[in-house]
Amino acid sequence: MKWDFEEDRGMYKGREGQWAFLLHRLSGLAILLYLMLHVLSIGSFLFGERAYMAIHELYDFWAFRIGLVGVVGAVVYHSFNGLRIIAMDMTGFGVAYQRQMWYGVLVVSVLATAYAALRLYPRLVGGY
């Protein structure tokens, strides 16, 4: 069987499905990184209160404070995009509306992340 690679490349031209897949993977990796940091942070108490507090003082850096909002965005996007994927797999109409559902996922994710940033604003600018 001969493959026509030019024809195959036409499927992936940066359309919504490809971006949904990429963002789903990246948000999953971000959540995994957060989970690993969380386990390390809580587990550091085994080495004493000083080790625990030393790690928690690192969380006052601006990158960690901004990352807190990013984690909210990643969790919201990953969860709602997962529901979109379930709808596409389990229903007959899901594939027909996958593009519209992805834009809905984006809107919900942006609104939830903006709300989280607004609620966390004092912590973002003032620290812990």
Protein backbone atom coordinates (compact mmCIF):
# COMPACT_ATOMS: atom_id res chain seq x y z
CA MET A 1 0.00 0.00 0.00
CA LYS A 2 1.40 3.35 -0.99
CA TRP A 3 1.00 6.28 1.40
CA ASP A 4 0.36 9.75 0.07
CA PHE A 5 1.95 11.88 2.78
CA GLU A 6 0.91 15.13 1.16
CA GLU A 7 -2.70 14.10 1.54
CA ASP A 8 -2.21 12.96 5.15
CA ARG A 9 -0.68 16.28 6.18
CA GLY A 10 -3.85 18.05 5.13
CA MET A 11 -5.67 16.73 8.20
CA TYR A 12 -3.49 18.64 10.64
CA LYS A 13 -3.19 22.24 9.68
CA GLY A 14 -3.46 23.78 13.10
CA ARG A 15 -7.23 23.46 13.33
CA GLU A 16 -9.25 23.33 16.53
CA GLY A 17 -8.87 19.59 17.09
CA GLN A 18 -5.10 19.78 16.98
CA TRP A 19 -5.00 22.73 19.39
CA ALA A 20 -7.47 20.99 21.71
CA PHE A 21 -5.23 17.91 21.77
CA LEU A 22 -2.06 19.93 22.39
CA LEU A 23 -3.58 22.04 25.16
CA HIS A 24 -5.10 18.94 26.76
CA ARG A 25 -1.68 17.30 26.93
CA LEU A 26 0.06 20.45 28.19
CA SER A 27 -2.59 21.10 30.83
CA GLY A 28 -2.28 17.47 31.96
CA LEU A 29 1.48 17.87 32.30
CA ALA A 30 1.02 21.11 34.24
CA ILE A 31 -1.39 19.39 36.63
CA LEU A 32 1.06 16.50 37.05
CA LEU A 33 3.88 18.94 37.84
CA TYR A 34 1.69 20.68 40.40
CA LEU A 35 0.77 17.35 41.97
CA MET A 36 4.43 16.36 42.22
CA LEU A 37 5.30 19.70 43.85
CA HIS A 38 2.39 19.29 46.24
CA VAL A 39 3.48 15.80 47.29
CA LEU A 40 7.09 16.99 47.70
CA SER A 41 5.92 19.95 49.73
CA ILE A 42 3.70 17.96 52.07
CA GLY A 43 6.23 15.12 52.27
CA SER A 44 8.99 17.49 53.32
CA PHE A 45 7.42 17.53 56.77
CA LEU A 46 9.06 14.15 57.30
CA PHE A 47 12.37 16.01 57.47
CA GLY A 48 11.15 18.40 60.11
CA GLU A 49 9.36 21.68 60.39
CA ARG A 50 12.37 23.70 59.20
CA ALA A 51 12.54 21.79 55.89
CA TYR A 52 8.79 22.14 55.48
CA MET A 53 8.85 25.90 56.10
CA ALA A 54 11.91 26.39 53.87
CA ILE A 55 10.05 24.86 50.93
CA HIS A 56 6.91 26.86 51.68
CA GLU A 57 8.88 30.09 51.76
CA LEU A 58 9.84 29.40 48.15
CA TYR A 59 6.16 29.57 47.23
CA ASP A 60 6.22 33.29 47.95
CA PHE A 61 8.20 33.94 44.76
CA TRP A 62 6.19 35.67 42.04
CA ALA A 63 6.48 32.71 39.64
CA PHE A 64 4.72 30.41 42.11
CA ARG A 65 2.01 32.99 42.78
CA ILE A 66 1.34 33.38 39.05
CA GLY A 67 1.55 29.60 38.68
CA LEU A 68 -1.33 29.26 41.12
CA VAL A 69 -3.60 31.00 38.63
CA GLY A 70 -2.12 28.86 35.85
CA VAL A 71 -2.98 25.69 37.76
CA VAL A 72 -6.58 26.84 38.05
CA GLY A 73 -6.69 27.44 34.29
CA ALA A 74 -5.08 24.07 33.57
CA VAL A 75 -7.50 22.16 35.81
CA VAL A 76 -10.57 23.90 34.39
CA TYR A 77 -9.44 23.46 30.77
CA HIS A 78 -8.39 19.84 31.28
CA SER A 79 -11.62 18.88 33.01
CA PHE A 80 -14.00 20.57 30.57
CA ASN A 81 -12.03 19.40 27.55
CA GLY A 82 -12.19 15.90 29.00
CA LEU A 83 -15.97 16.23 29.16
CA ARG A 84 -15.91 17.40 25.54
CA ILE A 85 -13.92 14.31 24.58
CA ILE A 86 -16.39 12.09 26.44
CA ALA A 87 -19.27 13.78 24.60
CA MET A 88 -17.53 13.15 21.28
CA ASP A 89 -16.89 9.49 22.12
CA MET A 90 -20.23 8.63 23.70
CA THR A 91 -22.74 10.54 21.59
CA GLY A 92 -23.50 10.59 17.92
CA PHE A 93 -23.68 14.37 17.70
CA GLY A 94 -20.48 15.09 19.62
CA VAL A 95 -18.14 14.94 16.64
CA ALA A 96 -20.37 17.20 14.57
CA TYR A 97 -20.15 19.92 17.23
CA GLN A 98 -16.61 19.34 18.49
CA ARG A 99 -15.38 22.71 17.20
CA GLN A 100 -18.16 24.68 18.89
CA MET A 101 -17.71 22.70 22.09
CA TRP A 102 -13.97 23.44 22.08
CA TYR A 103 -14.64 27.16 21.79
CA GLY A 104 -17.07 26.79 24.70
CA VAL A 105 -14.34 25.05 26.70
CA LEU A 106 -11.99 27.93 25.94
CA VAL A 107 -14.53 30.54 27.02
CA VAL A 108 -15.27 28.72 30.29
CA SER A 109 -11.54 28.26 30.94
CA VAL A 110 -10.68 31.90 30.31
CA LEU A 111 -13.57 33.12 32.48
CA ALA A 112 -12.69 30.76 35.34
CA THR A 113 -9.00 31.69 35.15
CA ALA A 114 -9.85 35.41 35.11
CA TYR A 115 -12.14 34.90 38.12
CA ALA A 116 -9.39 33.03 39.95
CA ALA A 117 -6.90 35.80 39.15
CA LEU A 118 -9.35 38.39 40.44
CA ARG A 119 -9.99 36.47 43.66
CA LEU A 120 -6.27 35.75 44.14
CA TYR A 121 -5.17 39.30 43.30
CA PRO A 122 -4.32 40.25 46.92
CA ARG A 123 -2.20 37.12 47.23
CA LEU A 124 -0.59 37.74 43.81
CA VAL A 125 0.59 41.25 44.63
CA GLY A 126 1.06 40.92 48.39
CA GLY A 127 2.43 37.45 48.81
CA TYR A 128 1.43 35.06 51.51
